[in-house]
Protein backbone atom coordinates (compact mmCIF):
# COMPACT_ATOMS: atom_id res chain seq x y z
CA MET A 1 41.23 130.50 68.28
CA PRO A 2 44.71 129.92 66.92
CA ILE A 3 46.43 132.75 69.00
CA ALA A 4 44.28 131.49 72.00
CA PHE A 5 45.85 127.70 71.78
CA LEU A 6 49.36 129.41 71.14
CA TYR A 7 49.05 131.02 74.69
CA VAL A 8 48.12 128.18 76.35
CA LEU A 9 50.76 126.28 74.73
CA ALA A 10 53.12 128.81 75.61
CA THR A 11 52.01 128.97 79.22
CA ALA A 12 52.18 124.54 79.07
CA ASN A 13 55.94 125.08 78.00
CA LEU A 14 56.64 127.60 80.43
CA ILE A 15 55.51 125.34 83.53
CA CYS A 16 57.23 122.35 82.08
CA MET A 17 60.76 124.38 81.93
CA ILE A 18 59.98 125.64 85.12
CA HIS A 19 59.96 122.80 86.37
CA ILE A 20 63.06 120.92 84.54
CA GLY A 21 64.92 124.14 86.20
CA LEU A 22 63.74 123.45 90.04
CA TYR A 23 64.42 120.10 89.70
CA SER A 24 67.97 120.82 88.24
CA VAL A 25 68.77 123.23 90.93
CA GLY A 26 67.22 121.37 93.99
CA ALA A 27 68.90 117.97 92.75
CA ASN A 28 72.14 119.85 92.62
CA SER A 29 71.64 121.32 95.69
CA TYR A 30 70.91 118.27 97.06
CA ASP A 31 74.10 116.57 95.58
CA ILE A 32 76.35 119.06 97.24
CA ILE A 33 74.51 118.77 100.70
CA ARG A 34 74.79 115.02 100.88
CA PHE A 35 78.64 115.35 99.75
CA LYS A 36 79.54 117.97 102.45
CA GLN A 37 77.74 115.90 105.06
CA GLU A 38 79.57 113.00 103.82
CA HIS A 39 82.95 114.84 104.08
CA ASP A 40 82.21 116.25 107.23
CA LYS A 41 81.27 112.45 108.77
CA LEU A 42 84.09 110.75 107.01
CA LYS A 43 86.52 113.67 108.98
CA LYS A 44 84.71 113.14 112.45
CA SER A 45 85.03 109.24 112.22
CA GLN A 46 89.19 110.01 111.81
CA LYS A 47 89.04 111.93 114.69
CA ARG A 48 86.78 109.96 116.83
CA LYS A 49 88.20 107.88 119.19
CA VAL A 50 87.74 103.99 119.38
CA THR A 51 84.90 103.41 121.50
CA LYS A 52 82.67 100.08 122.13
CA ALA A 53 80.31 99.72 118.82
CA PRO A 54 76.58 101.25 119.62
CA ARG A 55 73.67 98.66 119.88
CA LEU A 56 72.30 98.34 116.26
CA LYS A 57 68.50 99.00 116.11
CA LEU A 58 66.67 95.60 115.23
CA VAL A 59 65.67 96.08 111.25
CA SER A 60 62.30 93.86 110.05
CA VAL A 61 62.68 93.58 106.15
CA VAL A 62 59.39 92.35 105.47
CA ILE A 63 58.61 90.65 102.01
CA PRO A 64 55.09 90.09 100.91
CA ALA A 65 55.10 87.71 97.74
CA HIS A 66 52.52 85.77 95.34
CA ASN A 67 54.08 83.97 93.14
CA GLU A 68 57.55 84.93 92.96
CA ALA A 69 59.48 81.59 92.55
CA LYS A 70 61.64 82.86 89.62
CA VAL A 71 62.60 85.51 92.18
CA ILE A 72 62.43 84.87 95.89
CA LYS A 73 66.06 83.41 96.26
CA ARG A 74 67.74 86.32 94.24
CA THR A 75 66.11 88.85 96.66
CA LEU A 76 66.87 86.90 99.91
CA ASP A 77 70.40 86.59 98.82
CA SER A 78 70.68 90.61 98.50
CA VAL A 79 69.23 90.60 101.83
CA MET A 80 71.60 88.41 103.30
CA ALA A 81 74.70 90.47 101.73
CA SER A 82 73.64 93.53 103.35
CA SER A 83 76.66 95.00 105.43
CA TYR A 84 73.84 95.57 108.45
CA GLU A 85 74.07 93.08 111.02
CA ASN A 86 70.72 93.15 113.32
CA ILE A 87 68.38 91.93 110.68
CA GLU A 88 65.09 89.84 110.53
CA VAL A 89 63.31 88.71 107.48
CA ILE A 90 59.85 87.86 107.06
CA VAL A 91 58.19 86.64 103.80
CA VAL A 92 54.62 86.62 103.61
CA ASN A 93 53.60 84.12 100.97
CA ASP A 94 50.30 85.49 99.87
CA GLY A 95 48.45 82.60 98.63
CA SER A 96 51.33 81.77 96.17
CA THR A 97 50.07 78.96 93.84
CA ASP A 98 53.88 77.99 92.09
CA ASP A 99 56.97 77.25 94.64
CA THR A 100 57.65 80.44 96.32
CA ALA A 101 56.94 78.72 99.56
CA ASN A 102 59.16 75.54 99.02
CA ILE A 103 62.04 77.69 97.91
CA THR A 104 62.08 79.92 100.88
CA LYS A 105 61.61 77.03 103.31
CA GLU A 106 64.40 75.80 101.52
CA TYR A 107 66.56 78.82 101.95
CA ILE A 108 65.39 78.68 105.45
CA LYS A 109 66.79 75.46 106.37
CA ARG A 110 70.22 76.38 104.45
CA LEU A 111 70.79 79.21 106.73
CA LYS A 112 70.23 77.24 109.92
CA LYS A 113 72.53 74.65 108.83
CA ALA A 114 75.51 76.68 107.23
CA LYS A 115 77.98 78.76 109.17
CA ASN A 116 79.08 80.47 105.80
CA MET A 117 76.36 80.65 103.02
CA ARG A 118 77.51 81.25 98.89
CA VAL A 119 75.27 84.01 98.41
CA TRP A 120 74.66 85.59 94.53
CA SER A 121 75.15 89.12 94.24
CA TYR A 122 74.09 92.26 91.47
CA PHE A 123 76.99 94.04 92.38
CA ASP A 124 80.59 94.57 92.65
CA ALA A 125 83.09 94.97 95.42
CA LYS A 126 82.68 98.94 94.45
CA GLY A 127 79.02 98.63 95.32
CA TYR A 128 78.36 99.39 91.27
CA ALA A 129 75.60 97.70 89.85
CA GLY A 130 75.24 95.49 86.56
CA SER A 131 74.33 91.85 84.95
CA HIS A 132 77.65 92.02 83.38
CA ARG A 133 79.26 91.98 87.28
CA LEU A 134 77.45 88.88 88.42
CA ARG A 135 78.96 87.08 91.45
CA TYR A 136 78.96 85.00 94.15
CA ILE A 137 80.38 86.38 97.46
CA ARG A 138 80.26 84.09 100.57
CA ILE A 139 78.54 85.56 103.92
CA ASN A 140 78.31 84.41 107.60
CA ARG A 141 74.17 85.24 108.54
CA ASN A 142 73.57 82.38 110.97
CA GLN A 143 72.12 85.04 113.37
CA THR A 144 70.00 86.21 111.12
CA LYS A 145 66.62 84.74 111.51
CA VAL A 146 64.30 84.47 108.45
CA ARG A 147 60.58 82.96 108.65
CA ILE A 148 58.05 82.82 106.19
CA ILE A 149 54.23 83.37 106.90
CA THR A 150 51.74 81.77 104.56
CA GLN A 151 48.23 83.24 104.42
CA LYS A 152 45.16 82.70 101.58
CA ASN A 153 45.41 84.95 99.16
CA GLN A 154 44.42 88.50 100.41
CA GLY A 155 46.51 90.94 98.48
CA LYS A 156 49.80 92.95 99.39
CA ALA A 157 48.44 95.53 101.55
CA THR A 158 46.94 92.86 103.67
CA ALA A 159 50.06 90.70 103.49
CA MET A 160 52.16 93.43 104.90
CA ASN A 161 49.60 94.09 107.60
CA ASN A 162 49.68 90.49 108.73
CA ALA A 163 53.49 90.86 109.26
CA MET A 164 53.58 93.84 110.87
CA ARG A 165 50.91 93.47 112.83
CA ASN A 166 51.33 90.38 114.26
CA PHE A 167 55.40 88.80 113.83
CA VAL A 168 57.63 92.15 113.25
CA LYS A 169 60.18 92.78 116.68
CA GLY A 170 62.05 95.64 114.66
CA GLN A 171 61.85 99.29 115.96
CA LEU A 172 62.19 100.19 111.99
CA ILE A 173 60.62 98.01 109.20
CA MET A 174 61.53 98.00 105.57
CA CYS A 175 58.76 96.73 103.01
CA LEU A 176 61.00 94.78 100.01
CA ASP A 177 58.99 93.61 96.90
CA ALA A 178 60.03 90.28 96.31
CA ASP A 179 61.28 90.87 92.89
CA SER A 180 63.64 93.70 94.09
CA ILE A 181 67.33 93.57 94.91
CA LEU A 182 68.50 95.29 97.83
CA HIS A 183 72.45 96.94 97.43
CA PRO A 184 74.57 96.01 100.44
CA ARG A 185 74.71 99.21 102.21
CA ALA A 186 70.81 100.05 101.64
CA ILE A 187 69.82 98.72 105.08
CA GLU A 188 72.84 100.30 106.74
CA LYS A 189 71.75 103.59 105.11
CA ALA A 190 68.64 103.66 105.56
CA VAL A 191 68.94 103.20 109.26
CA GLY A 192 71.05 106.21 109.72
CA TYR A 193 68.37 108.71 108.83
CA PHE A 194 66.76 107.71 111.39
CA LYS A 195 69.08 109.36 114.15
CA ASP A 196 67.04 112.18 113.02
CA ASN A 197 64.14 111.74 115.41
CA HIS A 198 62.14 113.98 112.86
CA ILE A 199 62.49 111.32 109.87
CA ILE A 200 59.80 108.81 109.89
CA GLY A 201 59.87 106.96 106.52
CA VAL A 202 62.46 107.03 104.10
CA ALA A 203 61.95 106.48 100.40
CA ALA A 204 64.57 104.34 98.36
CA ASN A 205 66.27 105.14 95.41
CA VAL A 206 64.75 102.78 93.17
CA ARG A 207 66.73 101.66 89.63
CA VAL A 208 65.61 99.68 86.87
CA ILE A 209 67.89 96.48 86.30
CA GLU A 210 69.81 96.77 83.00
CA SER A 211 68.02 95.27 79.94
CA LYS A 212 68.61 95.43 76.36
CA SER A 213 65.23 95.98 74.98
CA LEU A 214 64.16 99.03 74.12
CA LEU A 215 61.28 98.96 76.62
CA GLY A 216 63.83 97.94 79.42
CA ARG A 217 65.90 101.08 78.56
CA VAL A 218 63.22 103.62 78.37
CA GLN A 219 62.10 102.54 82.11
CA ARG A 220 65.37 102.90 82.81
CA PHE A 221 65.65 106.15 81.88
CA GLU A 222 62.05 106.99 83.22
CA HIS A 223 63.14 105.84 86.98
CA MET A 224 66.75 107.64 86.51
CA ILE A 225 64.75 111.27 85.53
CA GLY A 226 61.55 110.87 88.26
CA TYR A 227 64.06 109.66 91.01
CA ARG A 228 66.33 112.89 90.89
CA SER A 229 63.32 114.83 90.79
CA LYS A 230 62.49 113.25 94.26
CA LYS A 231 65.94 115.24 95.44
CA PHE A 232 64.27 118.49 94.81
CA TYR A 233 61.05 117.27 96.77
CA SER A 234 63.21 116.01 99.75
CA MET A 235 65.11 119.48 99.73
CA THR A 236 61.73 121.34 99.93
CA ASN A 237 60.13 118.81 102.31
CA SER A 238 57.24 118.44 99.58
CA GLU A 239 57.78 114.50 99.41
CA PHE A 240 54.45 112.70 99.82
CA ILE A 241 55.45 109.62 97.78
CA ILE A 242 57.47 106.70 99.18
CA GLY A 243 57.14 103.26 96.79
CA GLY A 244 56.82 100.07 97.93
CA VAL A 245 60.68 99.36 97.09
CA ALA A 246 62.60 99.07 99.99
CA SER A 247 60.27 102.10 102.06
CA THR A 248 61.72 101.73 105.73
CA TYR A 249 59.56 103.53 108.62
CA ARG A 250 59.43 103.59 112.41
CA LYS A 251 57.10 100.92 113.48
CA SER A 252 55.93 103.17 115.92
CA VAL A 253 54.32 105.16 113.43
CA LEU A 254 52.94 102.74 111.20
CA LYS A 255 51.52 101.60 114.45
CA ASN A 256 49.83 104.70 115.12
CA VAL A 257 48.34 104.88 112.17
CA LYS A 258 46.99 101.75 111.75
CA PHE A 259 49.16 100.19 108.83
CA TYR A 260 48.31 99.70 105.08
CA ASP A 261 44.95 100.86 103.92
CA ASP A 262 43.22 98.63 101.29
CA ASP A 263 40.88 100.61 99.32
CA THR A 264 43.36 102.03 96.81
CA MET A 265 45.51 100.44 94.14
CA THR A 266 48.57 101.72 95.39
CA GLU A 267 48.61 101.01 99.01
CA ASP A 268 52.02 102.03 99.21
CA ILE A 269 50.96 106.07 98.23
CA GLY A 270 48.21 105.52 100.52
CA LEU A 271 50.30 104.48 103.46
CA SER A 272 52.67 107.85 102.82
CA LEU A 273 49.72 110.01 102.25
CA LYS A 274 48.05 108.39 105.45
CA ILE A 275 50.97 109.59 107.88
CA VAL A 276 51.64 112.86 106.42
CA SER A 277 47.73 113.33 106.75
CA GLN A 278 47.68 112.23 110.30
CA LYS A 279 51.25 113.44 111.55
CA GLY A 280 51.89 116.59 108.77
CA ASN A 281 54.84 117.08 107.58
CA LYS A 282 56.58 119.68 109.39
CA ASN A 283 57.93 118.12 112.76
CA HIS A 284 57.47 114.44 111.16
CA ARG A 285 59.50 114.29 108.13
CA ILE A 286 59.28 111.65 105.21
CA VAL A 287 62.98 112.25 103.14
CA TYR A 288 64.18 110.83 99.58
CA ALA A 289 67.72 108.97 100.42
CA SER A 290 69.28 108.63 97.06
CA ASP A 291 72.03 106.60 98.93
CA VAL A 292 69.68 103.76 99.54
CA VAL A 293 69.72 102.15 96.32
CA ALA A 294 67.48 99.19 95.24
CA LEU A 295 67.20 97.46 91.81
CA THR A 296 63.66 96.40 90.65
CA GLU A 297 62.52 94.66 87.19
CA GLY A 298 61.04 96.75 84.37
CA VAL A 299 58.02 95.49 82.54
CA GLY A 300 58.87 93.19 79.64
CA SER A 301 56.12 93.54 77.50
CA LEU A 302 53.96 97.02 76.18
CA LYS A 303 50.66 95.18 77.68
CA ASP A 304 51.57 94.38 80.92
CA LEU A 305 53.28 97.99 81.32
CA MET A 306 49.78 99.34 80.22
CA ARG A 307 48.33 97.41 82.95
CA GLN A 308 51.06 98.18 85.72
CA ARG A 309 50.36 101.99 84.78
CA TYR A 310 46.99 101.87 84.84
CA ARG A 311 47.45 100.23 88.43
CA TRP A 312 49.77 103.38 89.16
CA LYS A 313 47.49 106.29 87.36
CA MET A 314 44.20 104.99 89.16
CA GLY A 315 45.88 104.51 92.79
CA ASN A 316 47.53 107.95 92.54
CA LEU A 317 44.33 110.09 91.66
CA GLN A 318 42.37 107.44 94.21
CA ASN A 319 44.79 108.67 97.04
CA LEU A 320 45.03 112.28 95.83
CA TYR A 321 41.12 112.33 95.94
CA LYS A 322 40.95 110.73 99.21
CA TYR A 323 43.38 113.18 100.84
CA ARG A 324 42.26 115.93 99.13
CA HIS A 325 41.72 117.79 102.10
CA LEU A 326 45.72 118.21 102.29
CA ILE A 327 45.41 120.49 98.65
CA GLY A 328 45.58 124.29 99.55
CA ASN A 329 45.50 123.52 103.32
CA TYR A 330 47.52 126.44 104.70
CA ASN A 331 48.00 125.46 108.42
CA PRO A 332 51.87 126.25 108.40
CA GLY A 333 52.24 124.61 112.27
CA GLN A 334 51.52 120.91 110.65
CA TYR A 335 52.23 120.88 106.86
CA SER A 336 54.97 122.73 104.67
CA ARG A 337 53.58 125.41 102.29
CA MET A 338 55.36 123.44 99.36
CA LEU A 339 53.48 120.53 99.98
CA THR A 340 49.86 121.84 100.13
CA LEU A 341 50.24 125.02 98.09
CA TYR A 342 52.75 123.88 95.25
CA ARG A 343 53.14 119.80 94.96
CA LEU A 344 49.91 118.71 95.36
CA PRO A 345 48.03 120.61 93.32
CA MET A 346 50.86 120.49 90.74
CA ALA A 347 50.41 116.82 91.03
CA ILE A 348 46.76 117.48 89.88
CA VAL A 349 47.85 120.28 87.22
CA SER A 350 50.25 117.20 85.70
CA GLU A 351 47.68 115.07 85.21
CA ILE A 352 45.92 117.91 82.88
CA LEU A 353 48.99 118.58 81.01
CA LEU A 354 49.02 115.00 80.16
CA LEU A 355 45.51 115.41 78.70
CA MET A 356 46.80 118.43 76.54
CA GLU A 357 49.70 116.77 75.32
CA PRO A 358 48.45 115.36 71.95
CA LEU A 359 46.86 118.33 71.10
CA MET A 360 49.92 120.45 71.85
CA ILE A 361 52.41 117.70 69.90
CA ALA A 362 49.79 118.35 66.83
CA TYR A 363 49.94 121.96 67.05
CA ILE A 364 53.62 121.89 67.09
CA ILE A 365 53.70 119.55 63.91
CA TYR A 366 51.05 122.04 62.47
CA LEU A 367 53.48 124.90 63.06
CA SER A 368 56.53 122.95 61.62
CA ILE A 369 54.95 122.61 58.45
CA HIS A 370 52.71 125.82 58.08
CA PHE A 371 56.54 127.56 58.94
CA GLN A 372 58.65 125.50 57.10
CA THR A 373 60.66 125.03 59.99
CA LEU A 374 61.80 122.18 62.26
CA GLY A 375 63.12 124.34 64.81
CA ILE A 376 60.50 123.84 67.10
CA VAL A 377 61.18 120.23 67.19
CA ILE A 378 64.65 120.33 67.23
CA GLY A 379 64.63 122.78 70.42
CA ALA A 380 62.02 120.21 72.12
CA TYR A 381 64.90 117.33 71.33
CA LEU A 382 67.95 119.48 72.53
CA THR A 383 65.90 120.21 75.61
CA ILE A 384 65.12 117.04 76.71
CA THR A 385 68.21 115.14 75.57
CA LEU A 386 70.33 117.87 77.29
CA TYR A 387 67.87 117.25 80.98
CA THR A 388 68.24 113.46 80.11
CA MET A 389 72.25 114.02 79.90
CA SER A 390 72.37 116.36 82.96
CA VAL A 391 70.76 113.64 85.28
CA LEU A 392 73.13 110.69 83.84
CA TRP A 393 76.46 112.57 84.47
CA PRO A 394 75.90 113.76 88.37
CA ASP A 395 74.57 110.11 89.05
CA GLU A 396 76.61 108.66 91.93
CA HIS A 397 75.50 105.32 91.24
CA LEU A 398 76.84 104.50 87.67
CA THR A 399 80.54 104.34 86.55
CA THR A 400 82.06 106.60 83.98
CA LYS A 401 82.06 103.58 81.60
CA ASP A 402 77.92 103.11 82.16
CA LYS A 403 77.64 107.02 81.74
CA PHE A 404 79.01 107.50 78.39
CA LYS A 405 77.11 103.68 77.31
CA LEU A 406 73.44 105.12 78.33
CA SER A 407 74.96 108.66 77.19
CA LEU A 408 74.74 106.68 73.61
CA SER A 409 71.22 106.10 73.94
CA ALA A 410 70.69 109.40 75.35
CA THR A 411 70.73 110.53 72.04
CA TRP A 412 67.66 108.67 70.52
CA ILE A 413 65.82 108.16 73.68
CA TYR A 414 63.69 111.18 73.48
CA GLY A 415 61.53 109.42 70.51
CA LEU A 416 61.02 106.27 73.00
CA PHE A 417 59.58 108.74 75.52
CA TYR A 418 56.53 109.15 73.35
CA ILE A 419 56.18 105.40 73.82
CA MET A 420 55.66 106.26 77.49
CA ASP A 421 53.43 109.00 76.79
CA VAL A 422 50.90 106.64 74.95
CA VAL A 423 51.23 104.49 77.75
CA GLN A 424 50.60 107.38 80.36
CA LEU A 425 47.41 108.41 78.44
CA TYR A 426 45.99 105.18 77.72
CA ALA A 427 46.01 104.79 81.66
CA MET A 428 44.89 108.49 82.03
CA PHE A 429 41.90 107.94 80.32
CA LYS A 430 41.05 104.47 81.31
CA THR A 431 40.94 105.76 84.65
CA LEU A 432 38.31 108.59 83.79
CA HIS A 433 36.36 106.26 82.40
CA LEU A 434 36.05 104.43 85.40
CA TYR A 435 36.28 107.68 87.54
CA GLU A 436 33.67 106.31 89.94
CA HIS A 437 36.63 104.03 91.00
CA ILE A 438 38.13 107.49 92.53
CA ILE A 439 35.27 108.33 94.44
CA HIS A 440 33.55 105.44 95.89
CA ARG A 441 36.82 103.01 96.52
CA GLU A 442 36.37 99.51 97.63
CA LYS A 443 38.66 97.10 99.30
CA SER A 444 41.66 96.41 96.48
CA SER A 445 41.15 93.15 94.61
CA SER A 446 43.23 90.26 96.28
CA THR A 447 44.30 88.78 93.13
CA TRP A 448 48.28 89.83 92.45
CA ILE A 449 49.01 89.89 88.66
CA SER A 450 52.54 88.96 88.18
CA PRO A 451 54.28 90.59 85.69
CA LYS A 452 55.92 87.95 83.20
CA ARG A 453 59.81 87.43 84.33
CA GLY A 454 62.71 87.95 82.26
CA THR A 455 65.30 85.15 81.87
CA GLN A 456 68.29 87.25 82.89
CA ASN A 457 69.53 86.68 85.76
CA VAL A 458 66.54 85.60 87.54
CA THR A 459 67.12 82.05 88.75
CA THR A 460 70.29 81.48 90.77
């Protein structure tokens, strides 16, 4: 039995190490290709003669909001500070019981009256984010239309569908959570990807707002590591998850697939898998865009984090089951093999490895005590720490100063990652306990549970 378990442990570790290797190679290849593309684009722009600027596509930014009075103005400010000019903004007030609607209406009145607006920016002049760089800038956006739609509380998917079916006019639609902060060039960068007619959806680079709390810090690292792996998925055409923060789609595609479904807990994953299922991913690609940056708040308490991760876990498994016909689907004319034969099966294997993790950790501790050595534990610590550093230092959205600061945290963050493992295990066991909701899906609850908002830089 110990020998058999040792083989299982070795196999699990081998799978994890292969993944780390693939993520590293894929992410670095992505960075090299993007650097070359930007360099070539710069050279072409320098040689190009000055001509009349092409007409910009209208981008509809849809912001579903339920009880977001503390942060809605901040989000609107970030959109108003955008470098892209042809924008319409639609806020869907989904039965809020706080001051969300009034704040938005006052914002619209101010926008109509003022030729120049003074808006709050989380980004400095060079485009780097950080609360210590909080500043105000003056903009002229009196041509940008902002409107608010009020409906009874029906949930995020229904709120988005209401806006997209009845109100949006743009060729491209960006979905933006009401607690998010958009980088000034995010919309401009997102639009650039759609010059490729094969691209129908763009996933943003979502980063957690800087926090001094341990829980906030570990979520920040978790997002950086997770989103760097998406570079590998985009390189291998195996991406199938476009999150809800700053995700951008062609309106024609959304209309064709009949917009969001509301029978799973994660409507954003459901939408991207629905698109892949119906359109395939060979001629209609969804990609990750590392330069389309948006910030979001980390969850402030362990209780809220457990609630969030349960929703994510249940929604992910609901969608994997719903679109299970894609797993192992050998149809190279419609789907990439990396998606159906690798990425989707590995999404299942990863959940199995998560369930095995407590046994593996216990066995590693047993081996360390039995052989009176800390070599295995030290090896695991060094592997994760070095990998964290390899994610941190190539990051193009951090200053050198920030990289040094985060590097100090990276030396002890290894232990805090186990907190996230406990949260993930809780979410997994709760999901398995309620497994019937995976198989027999129902219309999602219309009640939004807004997380507790931090006080730092929320109201302006």
